[in-house]
Amino acid sequence: MTRSRPTQLDVARRAGVSRALVSLVVRGSDSVSPERREAVQQAIDELGYRPQVTAAHLASRRTDTIGVVVPDLRNPFYGELAEALREAAAATGRRVLIALGFGDALSDRRGGAGAEAAFARGVAAEQDAAEAFLAGRADALVLVSPRSSDAELARLARGAPVAVIGHEVSAAGVGSVSTDEAAGAELAVGHLLERGGTHLAHLGPAGSPSADSAAAVRREEFLASAARHGVPVRTAALSEATTPAQIEAMVAGLIADGVDAVGVHNDRLAIGLLTLLARDRFVGLVGYDDIPAAREPIIGLSTIDQRPRELARHALALLEADADPGRAGSGHVRLAPRLRVRST
């Protein structure tokens, strides 16, 4: 009886990794960590796996594909950004493939070690998604609000051009584009003051390992802007894990402290406040992102527009700055946001 030849899937199962990562090791990619490379190589040696030369040749051709890793499509802003990237790529004859990189780790309701473990799994999932695109010979990668370290991003950039949307990075060979958070905070605070606010609050993720760096930056810029206007600000933690009862208690505490206008980390959380609370609890409420639901007349949320189409256009321009793997256009592009005034 003829014994079947071992496959990459067999190697992946033996090493406890994804098939995509095995493909990267076989191709000699520098984007794989030494620990994972050693595990895969050991499995290859044990199974006697031999790659097919013809498949390697086919995989080396240009695919006109950009791999996009987003944290979570439950946030409508990421969906709009993905669509903006698709449109921008299509205009130049390329296609976009989307993968989820973080998923449930963003809304993990456990605290302490449980949340830390979920965050670690999320980072690993983000890396696996990026590596899968490289294994499929994507010509470039766009990572939206990644939690991966600069070292991990630089490692990916050795396999293909990489651009980050959401925050500035200092990884070698990786360009980034984001909204000017200081300008966004100034617009938000100015709107709340124009609405008659005298004591402000800022609500957003805090103290959670899954909270991306934008949460802390957005909060600090809001505080700085309010300080320039000489207005007191309270802060409170609000995330997807916050229950309605906790929100009610938080709002009652804010009102007791004299808070009359609120800025929220993003529209999704701000709309949650609107659906749970009467509009007359605060004279002003402003969100961040300008998601489609915020534009609905029944909601009418005033918000900060991050201009996703411009973010997408600049990210692709960074990829095109230098098409050689690991040499994507470095540097950071900071876009000015816009205030969208509605009924809140």
C-alpha atoms as a PDB file:
ATOM      1  CA  MET A   1       0.000   0.000   0.000  1.00  0.00           C
ATOM      2  CA  THR A   2       1.331   3.430  -0.963  1.00  0.00           C
ATOM      3  CA  ARG A   3       1.790   5.771   1.949  1.00  0.00           C
ATOM      4  CA  SER A   4       0.304   9.253   1.357  1.00  0.00           C
ATOM      5  CA  ARG A   5       2.732  12.147   1.359  1.00  0.00           C
ATOM      6  CA  PRO A   6       2.466  14.526   4.341  1.00  0.00           C
ATOM      7  CA  THR A   7       0.859  17.875   3.585  1.00  0.00           C
ATOM      8  CA  GLN A   8       1.170  21.374   5.016  1.00  0.00           C
ATOM      9  CA  LEU A   9      -2.018  20.679   6.966  1.00  0.00           C
ATOM     10  CA  ASP A  10      -0.347  17.664   8.580  1.00  0.00           C
ATOM     11  CA  VAL A  11       2.625  19.839   9.541  1.00  0.00           C
ATOM     12  CA  ALA A  12       0.325  22.522  10.944  1.00  0.00           C
ATOM     13  CA  ARG A  13      -1.501  19.991  13.119  1.00  0.00           C
ATOM     14  CA  ARG A  14       1.737  18.503  14.411  1.00  0.00           C
ATOM     15  CA  ALA A  15       3.199  21.947  15.226  1.00  0.00           C
ATOM     16  CA  GLY A  16      -0.050  23.343  16.628  1.00  0.00           C
ATOM     17  CA  VAL A  17      -0.088  26.322  14.247  1.00  0.00           C
ATOM     18  CA  SER A  18      -2.093  27.480  11.249  1.00  0.00           C
ATOM     19  CA  ARG A  19      -1.522  26.140   7.749  1.00  0.00           C
ATOM     20  CA  ALA A  20      -0.809  29.703   6.627  1.00  0.00           C
ATOM     21  CA  LEU A  21       2.096  29.947   9.051  1.00  0.00           C
ATOM     22  CA  VAL A  22       3.554  26.673   7.753  1.00  0.00           C
ATOM     23  CA  SER A  23       3.447  28.117   4.248  1.00  0.00           C
ATOM     24  CA  LEU A  24       5.390  31.173   5.421  1.00  0.00           C
ATOM     25  CA  VAL A  25       8.096  28.987   6.967  1.00  0.00           C
ATOM     26  CA  VAL A  26       8.371  26.855   3.812  1.00  0.00           C
ATOM     27  CA  ARG A  27       8.769  29.996   1.707  1.00  0.00           C
ATOM     28  CA  GLY A  28      11.498  31.298   4.014  1.00  0.00           C
ATOM     29  CA  SER A  29       9.578  34.381   5.104  1.00  0.00           C
ATOM     30  CA  ASP A  30      11.248  36.573   7.739  1.00  0.00           C
ATOM     31  CA  SER A  31       7.847  37.467   9.237  1.00  0.00           C
ATOM     32  CA  VAL A  32       7.675  34.338  11.433  1.00  0.00           C
ATOM     33  CA  SER A  33       8.928  34.449  15.006  1.00  0.00           C
ATOM     34  CA  PRO A  34      11.902  32.177  15.864  1.00  0.00           C
ATOM     35  CA  GLU A  35       9.797  30.126  18.303  1.00  0.00           C
ATOM     36  CA  ARG A  36       7.097  29.334  15.746  1.00  0.00           C
ATOM     37  CA  ARG A  37       9.637  28.713  13.004  1.00  0.00           C
ATOM     38  CA  GLU A  38      11.420  26.155  15.213  1.00  0.00           C
ATOM     39  CA  ALA A  39       8.125  24.371  16.018  1.00  0.00           C
ATOM     40  CA  VAL A  40       7.194  24.161  12.334  1.00  0.00           C
ATOM     41  CA  GLN A  41      10.649  23.004  11.283  1.00  0.00           C
ATOM     42  CA  GLN A  42      10.597  20.280  13.920  1.00  0.00           C
ATOM     43  CA  ALA A  43       7.226  19.053  12.602  1.00  0.00           C
ATOM     44  CA  ILE A  44       8.558  19.115   9.029  1.00  0.00           C
ATOM     45  CA  ASP A  45      11.543  17.021  10.037  1.00  0.00           C
ATOM     46  CA  GLU A  46       9.440  14.533  11.996  1.00  0.00           C
ATOM     47  CA  LEU A  47       6.912  14.044   9.178  1.00  0.00           C
ATOM     48  CA  GLY A  48       9.373  14.198   6.302  1.00  0.00           C
ATOM     49  CA  TYR A  49       7.340  16.887   4.548  1.00  0.00           C
ATOM     50  CA  ARG A  50       8.641  18.131   1.176  1.00  0.00           C
ATOM     51  CA  PRO A  51       7.085  21.219  -0.494  1.00  0.00           C
ATOM     52  CA  GLN A  52       5.873  21.051  -4.088  1.00  0.00           C
ATOM     53  CA  VAL A  53       8.072  23.187  -6.292  1.00  0.00           C
ATOM     54  CA  THR A  54       5.301  23.922  -8.788  1.00  0.00           C
ATOM     55  CA  ALA A  55       3.057  25.295  -6.076  1.00  0.00           C
ATOM     56  CA  ALA A  56       5.864  27.541  -4.856  1.00  0.00           C
ATOM     57  CA  HIS A  57       6.262  28.969  -8.343  1.00  0.00           C
ATOM     58  CA  LEU A  58       2.549  29.677  -8.640  1.00  0.00           C
ATOM     59  CA  ALA A  59       2.524  31.382  -5.251  1.00  0.00           C
ATOM     60  CA  SER A  60       5.292  33.772  -6.218  1.00  0.00           C
ATOM     61  CA  ARG A  61       3.216  35.657  -8.788  1.00  0.00           C
ATOM     62  CA  ARG A  62       1.647  39.035  -8.103  1.00  0.00           C
ATOM     63  CA  THR A  63      -1.967  38.700  -6.987  1.00  0.00           C
ATOM     64  CA  ASP A  64      -3.155  42.342  -7.073  1.00  0.00           C
ATOM     65  CA  THR A  65      -4.636  41.632  -3.642  1.00  0.00           C
ATOM     66  CA  ILE A  66      -4.437  43.690  -0.454  1.00  0.00           C
ATOM     67  CA  GLY A  67      -5.076  41.898   2.828  1.00  0.00           C
ATOM     68  CA  VAL A  68      -6.970  44.038   5.353  1.00  0.00           C
ATOM     69  CA  VAL A  69      -7.131  43.021   9.025  1.00  0.00           C
ATOM     70  CA  VAL A  70      -9.828  44.766  11.073  1.00  0.00           C
ATOM     71  CA  PRO A  71     -10.413  44.216  14.796  1.00  0.00           C
ATOM     72  CA  ASP A  72     -14.175  43.760  14.785  1.00  0.00           C
ATOM     73  CA  LEU A  73     -16.901  44.236  12.150  1.00  0.00           C
ATOM     74  CA  ARG A  74     -19.540  44.697  14.865  1.00  0.00           C
ATOM     75  CA  ASN A  75     -18.325  48.285  15.047  1.00  0.00           C
ATOM     76  CA  PRO A  76     -19.882  49.937  11.964  1.00  0.00           C
ATOM     77  CA  PHE A  77     -16.940  52.314  11.598  1.00  0.00           C
ATOM     78  CA  TYR A  78     -14.647  49.413  10.723  1.00  0.00           C
ATOM     79  CA  GLY A  79     -17.173  48.246   8.139  1.00  0.00           C
ATOM     80  CA  GLU A  80     -17.228  51.695   6.516  1.00  0.00           C
ATOM     81  CA  LEU A  81     -13.455  51.817   6.530  1.00  0.00           C
ATOM     82  CA  ALA A  82     -13.234  48.362   4.932  1.00  0.00           C
ATOM     83  CA  GLU A  83     -15.641  49.462   2.208  1.00  0.00           C
ATOM     84  CA  ALA A  84     -13.607  52.635   1.652  1.00  0.00           C
ATOM     85  CA  LEU A  85     -10.466  50.528   1.239  1.00  0.00           C
ATOM     86  CA  ARG A  86     -12.274  48.262  -1.217  1.00  0.00           C
ATOM     87  CA  GLU A  87     -13.388  51.226  -3.322  1.00  0.00           C
ATOM     88  CA  ALA A  88      -9.944  52.839  -3.310  1.00  0.00           C
ATOM     89  CA  ALA A  89      -8.250  49.575  -4.276  1.00  0.00           C
ATOM     90  CA  ALA A  90     -10.768  48.817  -7.015  1.00  0.00           C
ATOM     91  CA  ALA A  91     -10.000  52.179  -8.602  1.00  0.00           C
ATOM     92  CA  THR A  92      -6.449  50.936  -9.225  1.00  0.00           C
ATOM     93  CA  GLY A  93      -7.421  47.448 -10.395  1.00  0.00           C
ATOM     94  CA  ARG A  94      -6.800  45.670  -7.102  1.00  0.00           C
ATOM     95  CA  ARG A  95      -9.041  43.727  -4.766  1.00  0.00           C
ATOM     96  CA  VAL A  96      -9.307  43.706  -0.992  1.00  0.00           C
ATOM     97  CA  LEU A  97      -9.767  40.659   1.235  1.00  0.00           C
ATOM     98  CA  ILE A  98     -10.956  41.195   4.811  1.00  0.00           C
ATOM     99  CA  ALA A  99     -10.047  39.206   7.926  1.00  0.00           C
ATOM    100  CA  LEU A 100     -11.050  39.707  11.556  1.00  0.00           C
ATOM    101  CA  GLY A 101      -8.070  40.100  13.808  1.00  0.00           C
ATOM    102  CA  PHE A 102      -9.374  40.564  17.327  1.00  0.00           C
ATOM    103  CA  GLY A 103     -13.034  39.659  17.602  1.00  0.00           C
ATOM    104  CA  ASP A 104     -14.434  38.711  21.011  1.00  0.00           C
ATOM    105  CA  ALA A 105     -11.342  39.886  22.891  1.00  0.00           C
ATOM    106  CA  LEU A 106     -12.600  43.459  22.399  1.00  0.00           C
ATOM    107  CA  SER A 107     -15.739  42.824  24.438  1.00  0.00           C
ATOM    108  CA  ASP A 108     -14.487  40.292  26.961  1.00  0.00           C
ATOM    109  CA  ARG A 109     -16.421  40.903  30.172  1.00  0.00           C
ATOM    110  CA  ARG A 110     -13.961  39.255  32.527  1.00  0.00           C
ATOM    111  CA  GLY A 111     -11.464  41.203  34.540  1.00  0.00           C
ATOM    112  CA  GLY A 112      -7.909  40.538  35.635  1.00  0.00           C
ATOM    113  CA  ALA A 113      -6.128  37.507  34.249  1.00  0.00           C
ATOM    114  CA  GLY A 114      -9.150  36.468  32.154  1.00  0.00           C
ATOM    115  CA  ALA A 115      -9.164  39.725  30.205  1.00  0.00           C
ATOM    116  CA  GLU A 116      -5.379  39.607  29.848  1.00  0.00           C
ATOM    117  CA  ALA A 117      -5.582  36.106  28.391  1.00  0.00           C
ATOM    118  CA  ALA A 118      -8.327  37.182  25.979  1.00  0.00           C
ATOM    119  CA  PHE A 119      -6.181  40.106  24.866  1.00  0.00           C
ATOM    120  CA  ALA A 120      -3.216  37.794  24.234  1.00  0.00           C
ATOM    121  CA  ARG A 121      -5.437  35.532  22.138  1.00  0.00           C
ATOM    122  CA  GLY A 122      -6.633  38.559  20.212  1.00  0.00           C
ATOM    123  CA  VAL A 123      -3.087  39.645  19.380  1.00  0.00           C
ATOM    124  CA  ALA A 124      -2.263  36.109  18.230  1.00  0.00           C
ATOM    125  CA  ALA A 125      -5.391  36.051  16.042  1.00  0.00           C
ATOM    126  CA  GLU A 126      -4.405  39.383  14.522  1.00  0.00           C
ATOM    127  CA  GLN A 127      -0.948  38.043  13.702  1.00  0.00           C
ATOM    128  CA  ASP A 128      -2.345  34.806  12.285  1.00  0.00           C
ATOM    129  CA  ALA A 129      -4.719  36.737  10.023  1.00  0.00           C
ATOM    130  CA  ALA A 130      -1.862  38.863   8.694  1.00  0.00           C
ATOM    131  CA  GLU A 131       0.354  35.814   8.182  1.00  0.00           C
ATOM    132  CA  ALA A 132      -2.459  34.037   6.328  1.00  0.00           C
ATOM    133  CA  PHE A 133      -2.605  36.898   3.844  1.00  0.00           C
ATOM    134  CA  LEU A 134       1.150  36.730   3.350  1.00  0.00           C
ATOM    135  CA  ALA A 135       0.928  32.992   2.834  1.00  0.00           C
ATOM    136  CA  GLY A 136      -1.680  33.615   0.142  1.00  0.00           C
ATOM    137  CA  ARG A 137       0.736  36.046  -1.509  1.00  0.00           C
ATOM    138  CA  ALA A 138      -1.176  39.238  -0.815  1.00  0.00           C
ATOM    139  CA  ASP A 139       0.833  42.081  -2.318  1.00  0.00           C
ATOM    140  CA  ALA A 140       0.407  44.297   0.758  1.00  0.00           C
ATOM    141  CA  LEU A 141      -1.248  44.498   4.180  1.00  0.00           C
ATOM    142  CA  VAL A 142      -3.397  47.131   5.865  1.00  0.00           C
ATOM    143  CA  LEU A 143      -3.943  46.686   9.610  1.00  0.00           C
ATOM    144  CA  VAL A 144      -6.731  48.733  11.180  1.00  0.00           C
ATOM    145  CA  SER A 145      -6.187  49.741  14.830  1.00  0.00           C
ATOM    146  CA  PRO A 146      -3.796  46.839  15.429  1.00  0.00           C
ATOM    147  CA  ARG A 147      -2.767  45.792  18.936  1.00  0.00           C
ATOM    148  CA  SER A 148       0.413  44.140  17.681  1.00  0.00           C
ATOM    149  CA  SER A 149       3.675  45.663  18.884  1.00  0.00           C
ATOM    150  CA  ASP A 150       5.930  47.726  16.633  1.00  0.00           C
ATOM    151  CA  ALA A 151       8.376  44.819  16.557  1.00  0.00           C
ATOM    152  CA  GLU A 152       5.639  42.468  15.310  1.00  0.00           C
ATOM    153  CA  LEU A 153       4.535  44.990  12.675  1.00  0.00           C
ATOM    154  CA  ALA A 154       8.122  45.417  11.491  1.00  0.00           C
ATOM    155  CA  ARG A 155       8.429  41.653  11.170  1.00  0.00           C
ATOM    156  CA  LEU A 156       5.344  41.531   8.956  1.00  0.00           C
ATOM    157  CA  ALA A 157       6.741  44.372   6.852  1.00  0.00           C
ATOM    158  CA  ARG A 158       9.704  42.203   5.913  1.00  0.00           C
ATOM    159  CA  GLY A 159       7.273  40.040   3.933  1.00  0.00           C
ATOM    160  CA  ALA A 160       5.187  42.742   2.214  1.00  0.00           C
ATOM    161  CA  PRO A 161       4.456  46.477   2.420  1.00  0.00           C
ATOM    162  CA  VAL A 162       2.373  47.264   5.520  1.00  0.00           C
ATOM    163  CA  ALA A 163       0.276  50.304   6.413  1.00  0.00           C
ATOM    164  CA  VAL A 164      -1.557  50.951   9.686  1.00  0.00           C
ATOM    165  CA  ILE A 165      -4.780  52.932  10.057  1.00  0.00           C
ATOM    166  CA  GLY A 166      -5.757  54.264  13.465  1.00  0.00           C
ATOM    167  CA  HIS A 167      -2.620  55.378  15.232  1.00  0.00           C
ATOM    168  CA  GLU A 168       0.977  56.326  14.639  1.00  0.00           C
ATOM    169  CA  VAL A 169       3.594  53.584  14.707  1.00  0.00           C
ATOM    170  CA  SER A 170       7.381  53.613  14.718  1.00  0.00           C
ATOM    171  CA  ALA A 171       7.890  50.174  13.188  1.00  0.00           C
ATOM    172  CA  ALA A 172      10.588  50.018  10.535  1.00  0.00           C
ATOM    173  CA  GLY A 173       9.130  50.064   7.042  1.00  0.00           C
ATOM    174  CA  VAL A 174       5.541  50.629   8.190  1.00  0.00           C
ATOM    175  CA  GLY A 175       3.583  53.762   7.305  1.00  0.00           C
ATOM    176  CA  SER A 176       0.549  54.903   9.283  1.00  0.00           C
ATOM    177  CA  VAL A 177      -2.400  57.254   8.998  1.00  0.00           C
ATOM    178  CA  SER A 178      -4.820  58.462  11.650  1.00  0.00           C
ATOM    179  CA  THR A 179      -7.187  61.247  12.595  1.00  0.00           C
ATOM    180  CA  ASP A 180      -5.761  64.246  14.450  1.00  0.00           C
ATOM    181  CA  GLU A 181      -7.065  63.404  17.921  1.00  0.00           C
ATOM    182  CA  ALA A 182      -6.200  66.828  19.362  1.00  0.00           C
ATOM    183  CA  ALA A 183      -8.231  68.537  16.652  1.00  0.00           C
ATOM    184  CA  GLY A 184     -11.089  66.094  17.175  1.00  0.00           C
ATOM    185  CA  ALA A 185     -11.130  66.784  20.914  1.00  0.00           C
ATOM    186  CA  GLU A 186     -11.179  70.530  20.302  1.00  0.00           C
ATOM    187  CA  LEU A 187     -14.177  70.149  18.001  1.00  0.00           C
ATOM    188  CA  ALA A 188     -16.005  67.956  20.518  1.00  0.00           C
ATOM    189  CA  VAL A 189     -15.374  70.252  23.492  1.00  0.00           C
ATOM    190  CA  GLY A 190     -16.263  73.325  21.452  1.00  0.00           C
ATOM    191  CA  HIS A 191     -19.567  71.754  20.422  1.00  0.00           C
ATOM    192  CA  LEU A 192     -20.491  70.879  24.021  1.00  0.00           C
ATOM    193  CA  LEU A 193     -19.683  74.399  25.202  1.00  0.00           C
ATOM    194  CA  GLU A 194     -21.789  75.887  22.410  1.00  0.00           C
ATOM    195  CA  ARG A 195     -24.659  73.676  23.566  1.00  0.00           C
ATOM    196  CA  GLY A 196     -24.419  75.342  26.963  1.00  0.00           C
ATOM    197  CA  GLY A 197     -22.270  72.824  28.802  1.00  0.00           C
ATOM    198  CA  THR A 198     -20.426  74.098  31.860  1.00  0.00           C
ATOM    199  CA  HIS A 199     -19.249  70.860  33.491  1.00  0.00           C
ATOM    200  CA  LEU A 200     -18.143  68.162  31.040  1.00  0.00           C
ATOM    201  CA  ALA A 201     -17.506  64.435  31.201  1.00  0.00           C
ATOM    202  CA  HIS A 202     -15.678  62.046  28.899  1.00  0.00           C
ATOM    203  CA  LEU A 203     -16.761  58.408  28.762  1.00  0.00           C
ATOM    204  CA  GLY A 204     -14.745  55.627  27.179  1.00  0.00           C
ATOM    205  CA  PRO A 205     -12.771  52.409  27.688  1.00  0.00           C
ATOM    206  CA  ALA A 206     -10.259  52.620  30.515  1.00  0.00           C
ATOM    207  CA  GLY A 207      -8.133  50.156  32.414  1.00  0.00           C
ATOM    208  CA  SER A 208      -8.869  47.293  30.028  1.00  0.00           C
ATOM    209  CA  PRO A 209      -6.133  45.393  28.187  1.00  0.00           C
ATOM    210  CA  SER A 210      -8.336  45.293  25.075  1.00  0.00           C
ATOM    211  CA  ALA A 211      -8.723  49.085  24.969  1.00  0.00           C
ATOM    212  CA  ASP A 212      -6.662  50.274  22.035  1.00  0.00           C
ATOM    213  CA  SER A 213      -4.240  53.179  22.344  1.00  0.00           C
ATOM    214  CA  ALA A 214      -6.754  55.543  20.705  1.00  0.00           C
ATOM    215  CA  ALA A 215      -8.979  55.321  23.791  1.00  0.00           C
ATOM    216  CA  ALA A 216      -6.317  56.759  26.097  1.00  0.00           C
ATOM    217  CA  VAL A 217      -5.201  59.352  23.553  1.00  0.00           C
ATOM    218  CA  ARG A 218      -8.762  60.482  22.854  1.00  0.00           C
ATOM    219  CA  ARG A 219      -9.489  60.865  26.563  1.00  0.00           C
ATOM    220  CA  GLU A 220      -6.281  62.791  27.274  1.00  0.00           C
ATOM    221  CA  GLU A 221      -6.829  65.156  24.347  1.00  0.00           C
ATOM    222  CA  PHE A 222     -10.394  65.823  25.514  1.00  0.00           C
ATOM    223  CA  LEU A 223      -9.094  66.681  29.000  1.00  0.00           C
ATOM    224  CA  ALA A 224      -6.402  68.936  27.544  1.00  0.00           C
ATOM    225  CA  SER A 225      -8.882  70.800  25.357  1.00  0.00           C
ATOM    226  CA  ALA A 226     -11.298  71.330  28.240  1.00  0.00           C
ATOM    227  CA  ALA A 227      -8.430  72.595  30.401  1.00  0.00           C
ATOM    228  CA  ARG A 228      -7.570  75.190  27.756  1.00  0.00           C
ATOM    229  CA  HIS A 229     -11.160  76.402  27.976  1.00  0.00           C
ATOM    230  CA  GLY A 230     -11.041  76.391  31.778  1.00  0.00           C
ATOM    231  CA  VAL A 231     -13.867  73.844  32.033  1.00  0.00           C
ATOM    232  CA  PRO A 232     -13.902  71.016  34.609  1.00  0.00           C
ATOM    233  CA  VAL A 233     -14.103  67.431  33.293  1.00  0.00           C
ATOM    234  CA  ARG A 234     -15.069  64.153  34.899  1.00  0.00           C
ATOM    235  CA  THR A 235     -14.032  60.847  33.335  1.00  0.00           C
ATOM    236  CA  ALA A 236     -15.802  57.504  33.637  1.00  0.00           C
ATOM    237  CA  ALA A 237     -15.210  54.050  32.184  1.00  0.00           C
ATOM    238  CA  LEU A 238     -17.686  52.996  29.496  1.00  0.00           C
ATOM    239  CA  SER A 239     -17.230  50.005  27.203  1.00  0.00           C
ATOM    240  CA  GLU A 240     -19.165  47.225  25.483  1.00  0.00           C
ATOM    241  CA  ALA A 241     -18.994  45.295  28.765  1.00  0.00           C
ATOM    242  CA  THR A 242     -20.774  48.041  30.766  1.00  0.00           C
ATOM    243  CA  THR A 243     -24.275  46.902  31.747  1.00  0.00           C
ATOM    244  CA  PRO A 244     -27.408  49.108  31.572  1.00  0.00           C
ATOM    245  CA  ALA A 245     -27.595  49.163  35.369  1.00  0.00           C
ATOM    246  CA  GLN A 246     -23.991  50.341  35.565  1.00  0.00           C
ATOM    247  CA  ILE A 247     -24.689  53.043  32.978  1.00  0.00           C
ATOM    248  CA  GLU A 248     -27.688  54.292  34.958  1.00  0.00           C
ATOM    249  CA  ALA A 249     -25.591  54.469  38.119  1.00  0.00           C
ATOM    250  CA  MET A 250     -22.750  56.197  36.288  1.00  0.00           C
ATOM    251  CA  VAL A 251     -25.040  58.847  34.776  1.00  0.00           C
ATOM    252  CA  ALA A 252     -26.701  59.478  38.134  1.00  0.00           C
ATOM    253  CA  GLY A 253     -23.263  60.049  39.650  1.00  0.00           C
ATOM    254  CA  LEU A 254     -22.234  62.417  36.876  1.00  0.00           C
ATOM    255  CA  ILE A 255     -25.399  64.475  37.221  1.00  0.00           C
ATOM    256  CA  ALA A 256     -24.951  64.614  41.001  1.00  0.00           C
ATOM    257  CA  ASP A 257     -21.487  66.058  40.365  1.00  0.00           C
ATOM    258  CA  GLY A 258     -22.928  68.781  38.125  1.00  0.00           C
ATOM    259  CA  VAL A 259     -22.007  67.279  34.726  1.00  0.00           C
ATOM    260  CA  ASP A 260     -24.289  68.661  32.009  1.00  0.00           C
ATOM    261  CA  ALA A 261     -22.558  67.687  28.724  1.00  0.00           C
ATOM    262  CA  VAL A 262     -20.743  64.534  27.650  1.00  0.00           C
ATOM    263  CA  GLY A 263     -18.201  63.431  25.061  1.00  0.00           C
ATOM    264  CA  VAL A 264     -18.052  59.694  24.294  1.00  0.00           C
ATOM    265  CA  HIS A 265     -15.191  57.621  22.859  1.00  0.00           C
ATOM    266  CA  ASN A 266     -17.196  56.430  19.839  1.00  0.00           C
ATOM    267  CA  ASP A 267     -20.665  56.568  18.303  1.00  0.00           C
ATOM    268  CA  ARG A 268     -21.537  52.997  19.200  1.00  0.00           C
ATOM    269  CA  LEU A 269     -21.193  53.752  22.910  1.00  0.00           C
ATOM    270  CA  ALA A 270     -22.849  57.166  22.553  1.00  0.00           C
ATOM    271  CA  ILE A 271     -25.909  55.684  20.834  1.00  0.00           C
ATOM    272  CA  GLY A 272     -26.144  53.168  23.658  1.00  0.00           C
ATOM    273  CA  LEU A 273     -26.430  56.098  26.075  1.00  0.00           C
ATOM    274  CA  LEU A 274     -29.165  57.677  23.956  1.00  0.00           C
ATOM    275  CA  THR A 275     -31.232  54.501  23.880  1.00  0.00           C
ATOM    276  CA  LEU A 276     -30.977  54.010  27.641  1.00  0.00           C
ATOM    277  CA  LEU A 277     -31.374  57.589  28.795  1.00  0.00           C
ATOM    278  CA  ALA A 278     -33.705  60.483  28.085  1.00  0.00           C
ATOM    279  CA  ARG A 279     -32.131  63.133  25.898  1.00  0.00           C
ATOM    280  CA  ASP A 280     -32.819  65.857  28.435  1.00  0.00           C
ATOM    281  CA  ARG A 281     -30.372  64.391  30.951  1.00  0.00           C
ATOM    282  CA  PHE A 282     -27.578  66.407  29.295  1.00  0.00           C
ATOM    283  CA  VAL A 283     -27.580  69.605  27.246  1.00  0.00           C
ATOM    284  CA  GLY A 284     -25.017  68.139  24.857  1.00  0.00           C
ATOM    285  CA  LEU A 285     -23.742  64.740  23.754  1.00  0.00           C
ATOM    286  CA  VAL A 286     -21.077  64.141  21.118  1.00  0.00           C
ATOM    287  CA  GLY A 287     -19.717  60.869  19.767  1.00  0.00           C
ATOM    288  CA  TYR A 288     -16.841  59.931  17.490  1.00  0.00           C
ATOM    289  CA  ASP A 289     -16.754  58.172  14.067  1.00  0.00           C
ATOM    290  CA  ASP A 290     -19.941  59.354  12.267  1.00  0.00           C
ATOM    291  CA  ILE A 291     -21.278  55.832  11.715  1.00  0.00           C
ATOM    292  CA  PRO A 292     -24.462  55.414   9.604  1.00  0.00           C
ATOM    293  CA  ALA A 293     -26.750  55.038  12.640  1.00  0.00           C
ATOM    294  CA  ALA A 294     -25.618  58.432  13.956  1.00  0.00           C
ATOM    295  CA  ARG A 295     -27.037  60.025  10.799  1.00  0.00           C
ATOM    296  CA  GLU A 296     -30.527  58.582  11.259  1.00  0.00           C
ATOM    297  CA  PRO A 297     -33.036  61.364  12.093  1.00  0.00           C
ATOM    298  CA  ILE A 298     -34.424  59.436  15.059  1.00  0.00           C
ATOM    299  CA  ILE A 299     -30.928  59.395  16.585  1.00  0.00           C
ATOM    300  CA  GLY A 300     -29.350  62.573  15.239  1.00  0.00           C
ATOM    301  CA  LEU A 301     -26.049  62.163  17.086  1.00  0.00           C
ATOM    302  CA  SER A 302     -23.558  64.992  16.841  1.00  0.00           C
ATOM    303  CA  THR A 303     -20.187  63.407  16.223  1.00  0.00           C
ATOM    304  CA  ILE A 304     -16.646  63.671  14.911  1.00  0.00           C
ATOM    305  CA  ASP A 305     -16.223  62.432  11.340  1.00  0.00           C
ATOM    306  CA  GLN A 306     -12.897  60.610  10.876  1.00  0.00           C
ATOM    307  CA  ARG A 307     -13.270  60.737   7.066  1.00  0.00           C
ATOM    308  CA  PRO A 308     -12.803  57.008   6.349  1.00  0.00           C
ATOM    309  CA  ARG A 309     -12.450  57.477   2.594  1.00  0.00           C
ATOM    310  CA  GLU A 310      -9.507  59.802   3.115  1.00  0.00           C
ATOM    311  CA  LEU A 311      -7.964  57.432   5.656  1.00  0.00           C
ATOM    312  CA  ALA A 312      -8.229  54.622   3.094  1.00  0.00           C
ATOM    313  CA  ARG A 313      -6.799  56.699   0.267  1.00  0.00           C
ATOM    314  CA  HIS A 314      -3.769  57.738   2.279  1.00  0.00           C
ATOM    315  CA  ALA A 315      -3.153  54.188   3.528  1.00  0.00           C
ATOM    316  CA  LEU A 316      -3.030  52.854  -0.031  1.00  0.00           C
ATOM    317  CA  ALA A 317      -0.783  55.730  -1.055  1.00  0.00           C
ATOM    318  CA  LEU A 318       1.641  54.713   1.695  1.00  0.00           C
ATOM    319  CA  LEU A 319       1.687  51.174   0.293  1.00  0.00           C
ATOM    320  CA  GLU A 320       2.418  52.492  -3.176  1.00  0.00           C
ATOM    321  CA  ALA A 321       5.235  54.745  -1.951  1.00  0.00           C
ATOM    322  CA  ASP A 322       7.606  51.832  -2.385  1.00  0.00           C
ATOM    323  CA  ALA A 323       6.290  48.490  -3.611  1.00  0.00           C
ATOM    324  CA  ASP A 324       9.316  46.444  -2.489  1.00  0.00           C
ATOM    325  CA  PRO A 325       8.540  44.117   0.453  1.00  0.00           C
ATOM    326  CA  GLY A 326       9.471  45.634   3.786  1.00  0.00           C
ATOM    327  CA  ARG A 327       9.919  49.090   2.309  1.00  0.00           C
ATOM    328  CA  ALA A 328       6.446  50.589   2.406  1.00  0.00           C
ATOM    329  CA  GLY A 329       6.242  54.356   2.620  1.00  0.00           C
ATOM    330  CA  SER A 330       7.257  55.146   6.175  1.00  0.00           C
ATOM    331  CA  GLY A 331       6.100  58.149   8.165  1.00  0.00           C
ATOM    332  CA  HIS A 332       2.725  59.196   9.492  1.00  0.00           C
ATOM    333  CA  VAL A 333      -0.188  61.061   7.907  1.00  0.00           C
ATOM    334  CA  ARG A 334      -2.497  62.923  10.300  1.00  0.00           C
ATOM    335  CA  LEU A 335      -5.917  63.942   8.932  1.00  0.00           C
ATOM    336  CA  ALA A 336      -8.060  66.772  10.260  1.00  0.00           C
ATOM    337  CA  PRO A 337     -11.495  65.467  11.366  1.00  0.00           C
ATOM    338  CA  ARG A 338     -14.819  67.244  10.877  1.00  0.00           C
ATOM    339  CA  LEU A 339     -17.645  68.029  13.286  1.00  0.00           C
ATOM    340  CA  ARG A 340     -21.078  66.799  12.208  1.00  0.00           C
ATOM    341  CA  VAL A 341     -23.680  68.757  14.199  1.00  0.00           C
ATOM    342  CA  ARG A 342     -27.074  67.125  14.623  1.00  0.00           C
ATOM    343  CA  SER A 343     -29.687  67.172  17.378  1.00  0.00           C
ATOM    344  CA  THR A 344     -27.587  66.199  20.413  1.00  0.00           C
END
